[in-house]
Amino acid sequence: MGRAALIKTGLTAAAMAATAYSRVLGQTLMNANDPPAEGVTEPSAATDPEVAGAQRKLKVLQWAVPALTGATLLMDSKMGEQQRPSEVAKGVVRRLNPAA
């Protein structure tokens, strides 16, 4: 279970970092005061390079944040299953009797 906890912690940290970075990139777009663009995450040829870069990164992050959050929820579910009484009993037996 220790490895699962480390994985879950890493996924949570990555989701939080991606969310924070999205906020920074979003502020870049807000400061640009309605730049020319095809869409929120689609720069046009006239879009400032800094803003265009932020848009491209946001396009990736709009999928990465939910994916990381979903993976965290999956790990949480897996860890919950490991704490069922039947699983705990199996673990106790394995520790008490390594040959079992």
N, C-alpha and C. Protein backbone atom coordinates (compact mmCIF):
# COMPACT_ATOMS: atom_id res chain seq x y z
N MET A 1 0.82 -1.19 0.00
CA MET A 1 0.00 0.00 0.00
C MET A 1 0.86 1.26 0.00
N GLY A 2 2.08 1.18 0.47
CA GLY A 2 2.97 2.33 0.49
C GLY A 2 3.25 2.87 -0.89
N ARG A 3 3.44 1.95 -1.84
CA ARG A 3 3.71 2.38 -3.22
C ARG A 3 2.50 3.10 -3.80
N ALA A 4 1.31 2.57 -3.53
CA ALA A 4 0.08 3.20 -4.04
C ALA A 4 -0.08 4.59 -3.45
N ALA A 5 0.25 4.75 -2.17
CA ALA A 5 0.15 6.07 -1.54
C ALA A 5 1.12 7.06 -2.17
N LEU A 6 2.32 6.59 -2.49
CA LEU A 6 3.29 7.47 -3.15
C LEU A 6 2.81 7.87 -4.55
N ILE A 7 2.25 6.91 -5.26
CA ILE A 7 1.72 7.21 -6.60
C ILE A 7 0.59 8.22 -6.50
N LYS A 8 -0.32 7.99 -5.56
CA LYS A 8 -1.45 8.91 -5.39
C LYS A 8 -0.95 10.31 -5.01
N THR A 9 0.03 10.38 -4.14
CA THR A 9 0.58 11.68 -3.74
C THR A 9 1.21 12.38 -4.94
N GLY A 10 1.94 11.63 -5.77
CA GLY A 10 2.55 12.20 -6.96
C GLY A 10 1.51 12.71 -7.95
N LEU A 11 0.45 11.92 -8.15
CA LEU A 11 -0.62 12.35 -9.05
C LEU A 11 -1.32 13.60 -8.52
N THR A 12 -1.57 13.63 -7.22
CA THR A 12 -2.21 14.81 -6.62
C THR A 12 -1.34 16.04 -6.80
N ALA A 13 -0.04 15.89 -6.53
CA ALA A 13 0.88 17.02 -6.69
C ALA A 13 0.94 17.49 -8.14
N ALA A 14 0.96 16.53 -9.07
CA ALA A 14 1.00 16.89 -10.49
C ALA A 14 -0.28 17.61 -10.91
N ALA A 15 -1.43 17.14 -10.43
CA ALA A 15 -2.70 17.80 -10.76
C ALA A 15 -2.73 19.22 -10.20
N MET A 16 -2.24 19.38 -8.98
CA MET A 16 -2.22 20.72 -8.37
C MET A 16 -1.26 21.65 -9.12
N ALA A 17 -0.11 21.12 -9.51
CA ALA A 17 0.86 21.94 -10.25
C ALA A 17 0.30 22.32 -11.62
N ALA A 18 -0.34 21.38 -12.29
CA ALA A 18 -0.93 21.68 -13.60
C ALA A 18 -2.04 22.72 -13.48
N THR A 19 -2.82 22.64 -12.41
CA THR A 19 -3.88 23.62 -12.18
C THR A 19 -3.30 25.00 -11.93
N ALA A 20 -2.26 25.05 -11.11
CA ALA A 20 -1.62 26.34 -10.82
C ALA A 20 -1.00 26.93 -12.09
N TYR A 21 -0.36 26.09 -12.89
CA TYR A 21 0.24 26.57 -14.13
C TYR A 21 -0.83 27.06 -15.10
N SER A 22 -1.96 26.38 -15.12
CA SER A 22 -3.08 26.83 -15.96
C SER A 22 -3.52 28.23 -15.55
N ARG A 23 -3.52 28.47 -14.26
CA ARG A 23 -3.91 29.80 -13.76
C ARG A 23 -2.92 30.87 -14.24
N VAL A 24 -1.64 30.56 -14.20
CA VAL A 24 -0.62 31.50 -14.65
C VAL A 24 -0.80 31.79 -16.15
N LEU A 25 -1.01 30.73 -16.92
CA LEU A 25 -1.21 30.91 -18.36
C LEU A 25 -2.51 31.68 -18.65
N GLY A 26 -3.54 31.39 -17.87
CA GLY A 26 -4.80 32.11 -18.02
C GLY A 26 -4.63 33.59 -17.75
N GLN A 27 -3.80 33.91 -16.76
CA GLN A 27 -3.54 35.32 -16.46
C GLN A 27 -2.82 36.00 -17.63
N THR A 28 -1.95 35.26 -18.30
CA THR A 28 -1.27 35.80 -19.49
C THR A 28 -2.30 36.17 -20.55
N LEU A 29 -3.29 35.30 -20.74
CA LEU A 29 -4.34 35.60 -21.73
C LEU A 29 -5.19 36.78 -21.28
N MET A 30 -5.50 36.84 -19.99
CA MET A 30 -6.30 37.96 -19.48
C MET A 30 -5.58 39.29 -19.65
N ASN A 31 -4.28 39.29 -19.44
CA ASN A 31 -3.49 40.51 -19.56
C ASN A 31 -3.33 40.96 -21.02
N ALA A 32 -3.57 40.05 -21.95
CA ALA A 32 -3.41 40.38 -23.37
C ALA A 32 -4.57 41.22 -23.90
N ASN A 33 -5.64 41.38 -23.11
CA ASN A 33 -6.78 42.22 -23.51
C ASN A 33 -7.35 41.83 -24.88
N ASP A 34 -7.95 40.66 -24.94
CA ASP A 34 -8.66 40.20 -26.13
C ASP A 34 -7.76 40.16 -27.37
N PRO A 35 -6.73 39.30 -27.34
CA PRO A 35 -5.83 39.22 -28.49
C PRO A 35 -6.52 38.58 -29.69
N PRO A 36 -6.03 38.82 -30.89
CA PRO A 36 -6.60 38.17 -32.07
C PRO A 36 -6.32 36.67 -31.98
N ALA A 37 -7.36 35.87 -32.12
CA ALA A 37 -7.20 34.41 -32.01
C ALA A 37 -8.39 33.73 -32.67
N GLU A 38 -8.18 32.47 -33.01
CA GLU A 38 -9.25 31.66 -33.59
C GLU A 38 -10.21 31.19 -32.49
N GLY A 39 -9.68 30.95 -31.31
CA GLY A 39 -10.45 30.49 -30.16
C GLY A 39 -9.64 30.69 -28.90
N VAL A 40 -10.19 30.28 -27.78
CA VAL A 40 -9.49 30.50 -26.50
C VAL A 40 -8.14 29.80 -26.50
N THR A 41 -8.06 28.60 -27.05
CA THR A 41 -6.78 27.88 -27.08
C THR A 41 -6.25 27.73 -28.50
N GLU A 42 -6.77 28.51 -29.43
CA GLU A 42 -6.35 28.46 -30.83
C GLU A 42 -5.83 29.82 -31.29
N PRO A 43 -4.50 29.98 -31.35
CA PRO A 43 -3.97 31.26 -31.81
C PRO A 43 -4.17 31.44 -33.31
N SER A 44 -4.19 32.69 -33.74
CA SER A 44 -4.22 32.99 -35.18
C SER A 44 -2.83 33.45 -35.59
N ALA A 45 -2.66 33.72 -36.85
CA ALA A 45 -1.36 34.18 -37.34
C ALA A 45 -0.98 35.53 -36.73
N ALA A 46 -1.98 36.33 -36.34
CA ALA A 46 -1.72 37.66 -35.79
C ALA A 46 -1.54 37.65 -34.26
N THR A 47 -1.67 36.51 -33.63
CA THR A 47 -1.56 36.44 -32.17
C THR A 47 -0.12 36.63 -31.74
N ASP A 48 0.09 37.43 -30.71
CA ASP A 48 1.42 37.64 -30.14
C ASP A 48 2.03 36.28 -29.78
N PRO A 49 3.32 36.08 -30.07
CA PRO A 49 3.95 34.77 -29.79
C PRO A 49 3.83 34.31 -28.33
N GLU A 50 3.95 35.23 -27.39
CA GLU A 50 3.83 34.85 -25.97
C GLU A 50 2.42 34.35 -25.67
N VAL A 51 1.43 35.04 -26.19
CA VAL A 51 0.04 34.65 -25.98
C VAL A 51 -0.25 33.34 -26.71
N ALA A 52 0.27 33.20 -27.92
CA ALA A 52 0.08 31.97 -28.69
C ALA A 52 0.67 30.77 -27.94
N GLY A 53 1.84 30.96 -27.34
CA GLY A 53 2.46 29.90 -26.56
C GLY A 53 1.61 29.51 -25.37
N ALA A 54 1.06 30.51 -24.71
CA ALA A 54 0.18 30.24 -23.56
C ALA A 54 -1.07 29.49 -24.02
N GLN A 55 -1.60 29.86 -25.16
CA GLN A 55 -2.80 29.18 -25.68
C GLN A 55 -2.51 27.71 -25.99
N ARG A 56 -1.36 27.45 -26.61
CA ARG A 56 -1.01 26.07 -26.94
C ARG A 56 -0.83 25.23 -25.67
N LYS A 57 -0.22 25.81 -24.66
CA LYS A 57 -0.02 25.08 -23.40
C LYS A 57 -1.35 24.84 -22.70
N LEU A 58 -2.23 25.82 -22.75
CA LEU A 58 -3.54 25.65 -22.14
C LEU A 58 -4.35 24.55 -22.84
N LYS A 59 -4.13 24.42 -24.14
CA LYS A 59 -4.83 23.38 -24.90
C LYS A 59 -4.46 22.00 -24.37
N VAL A 60 -3.20 21.80 -24.01
CA VAL A 60 -2.76 20.53 -23.44
C VAL A 60 -3.27 20.39 -22.00
N LEU A 61 -3.14 21.45 -21.23
CA LEU A 61 -3.53 21.39 -19.82
C LEU A 61 -5.02 21.20 -19.62
N GLN A 62 -5.84 21.63 -20.57
CA GLN A 62 -7.29 21.45 -20.41
C GLN A 62 -7.65 19.97 -20.40
N TRP A 63 -6.77 19.13 -20.91
CA TRP A 63 -6.98 17.68 -20.87
C TRP A 63 -6.15 17.04 -19.77
N ALA A 64 -4.99 17.60 -19.49
CA ALA A 64 -4.10 17.00 -18.49
C ALA A 64 -4.66 17.10 -17.07
N VAL A 65 -5.25 18.23 -16.73
CA VAL A 65 -5.78 18.41 -15.37
C VAL A 65 -6.87 17.38 -15.05
N PRO A 66 -7.89 17.21 -15.90
CA PRO A 66 -8.89 16.18 -15.59
C PRO A 66 -8.31 14.76 -15.61
N ALA A 67 -7.36 14.50 -16.50
CA ALA A 67 -6.75 13.17 -16.56
C ALA A 67 -6.00 12.86 -15.27
N LEU A 68 -5.23 13.82 -14.78
CA LEU A 68 -4.49 13.62 -13.53
C LEU A 68 -5.45 13.49 -12.35
N THR A 69 -6.49 14.29 -12.35
CA THR A 69 -7.48 14.20 -11.27
C THR A 69 -8.19 12.85 -11.31
N GLY A 70 -8.55 12.39 -12.49
CA GLY A 70 -9.18 11.08 -12.63
C GLY A 70 -8.27 9.96 -12.18
N ALA A 71 -7.00 10.04 -12.53
CA ALA A 71 -6.04 9.02 -12.10
C ALA A 71 -5.91 9.01 -10.57
N THR A 72 -5.96 10.19 -9.96
CA THR A 72 -5.92 10.27 -8.51
C THR A 72 -7.15 9.58 -7.91
N LEU A 73 -8.31 9.80 -8.49
CA LEU A 73 -9.52 9.16 -8.00
C LEU A 73 -9.45 7.64 -8.16
N LEU A 74 -8.88 7.17 -9.26
CA LEU A 74 -8.71 5.73 -9.45
C LEU A 74 -7.79 5.14 -8.38
N MET A 75 -6.71 5.83 -8.08
CA MET A 75 -5.81 5.35 -7.03
C MET A 75 -6.51 5.35 -5.68
N ASP A 76 -7.32 6.35 -5.43
CA ASP A 76 -8.06 6.42 -4.17
C ASP A 76 -9.02 5.23 -4.07
N SER A 77 -9.66 4.90 -5.17
CA SER A 77 -10.57 3.75 -5.19
C SER A 77 -9.80 2.46 -4.94
N LYS A 78 -8.66 2.32 -5.59
CA LYS A 78 -7.84 1.12 -5.39
C LYS A 78 -7.40 1.01 -3.94
N MET A 79 -7.00 2.11 -3.36
CA MET A 79 -6.56 2.08 -1.95
C MET A 79 -7.73 1.75 -1.03
N GLY A 80 -8.92 2.20 -1.37
CA GLY A 80 -10.10 1.88 -0.58
C GLY A 80 -10.41 0.39 -0.61
N GLU A 81 -10.23 -0.22 -1.79
CA GLU A 81 -10.45 -1.66 -1.92
C GLU A 81 -9.44 -2.45 -1.10
N GLN A 82 -8.23 -1.93 -0.99
CA GLN A 82 -7.19 -2.62 -0.22
C GLN A 82 -7.48 -2.58 1.28
N GLN A 83 -8.37 -1.71 1.70
CA GLN A 83 -8.66 -1.59 3.12
C GLN A 83 -9.92 -2.36 3.52
N ARG A 84 -10.49 -3.13 2.61
CA ARG A 84 -11.63 -3.97 2.96
C ARG A 84 -11.16 -4.98 4.01
N PRO A 85 -12.03 -5.34 4.93
CA PRO A 85 -11.64 -6.28 5.99
C PRO A 85 -11.03 -7.58 5.45
N SER A 86 -11.56 -8.11 4.35
CA SER A 86 -11.02 -9.35 3.81
C SER A 86 -9.59 -9.16 3.32
N GLU A 87 -9.30 -8.02 2.71
CA GLU A 87 -7.95 -7.74 2.23
C GLU A 87 -7.00 -7.49 3.38
N VAL A 88 -7.47 -6.81 4.41
CA VAL A 88 -6.64 -6.56 5.59
C VAL A 88 -6.29 -7.88 6.26
N ALA A 89 -7.28 -8.76 6.37
CA ALA A 89 -7.04 -10.07 6.99
C ALA A 89 -5.99 -10.85 6.21
N LYS A 90 -6.07 -10.83 4.88
CA LYS A 90 -5.08 -11.52 4.06
C LYS A 90 -3.68 -10.95 4.31
N GLY A 91 -3.60 -9.64 4.40
CA GLY A 91 -2.30 -9.00 4.65
C GLY A 91 -1.73 -9.36 6.00
N VAL A 92 -2.57 -9.42 7.01
CA VAL A 92 -2.12 -9.80 8.35
C VAL A 92 -1.61 -11.23 8.34
N VAL A 93 -2.35 -12.13 7.69
CA VAL A 93 -1.92 -13.53 7.61
C VAL A 93 -0.59 -13.64 6.88
N ARG A 94 -0.42 -12.90 5.80
CA ARG A 94 0.85 -12.94 5.05
C ARG A 94 2.01 -12.45 5.91
N ARG A 95 1.78 -11.44 6.72
CA ARG A 95 2.86 -10.93 7.57
C ARG A 95 3.22 -11.87 8.70
N LEU A 96 2.19 -12.51 9.26
CA LEU A 96 2.41 -13.44 10.37
C LEU A 96 3.01 -14.76 9.89
N ASN A 97 2.65 -15.17 8.69
CA ASN A 97 3.10 -16.43 8.16
C ASN A 97 3.60 -16.21 6.72
N PRO A 98 4.87 -15.82 6.55
CA PRO A 98 5.39 -15.52 5.21
C PRO A 98 5.29 -16.70 4.25
N ALA A 99 5.19 -17.91 4.75
CA ALA A 99 5.11 -19.09 3.87
C ALA A 99 3.72 -19.24 3.27
N ALA A 100 2.71 -18.55 3.83
CA ALA A 100 1.33 -18.71 3.35
C ALA A 100 1.08 -17.97 2.08
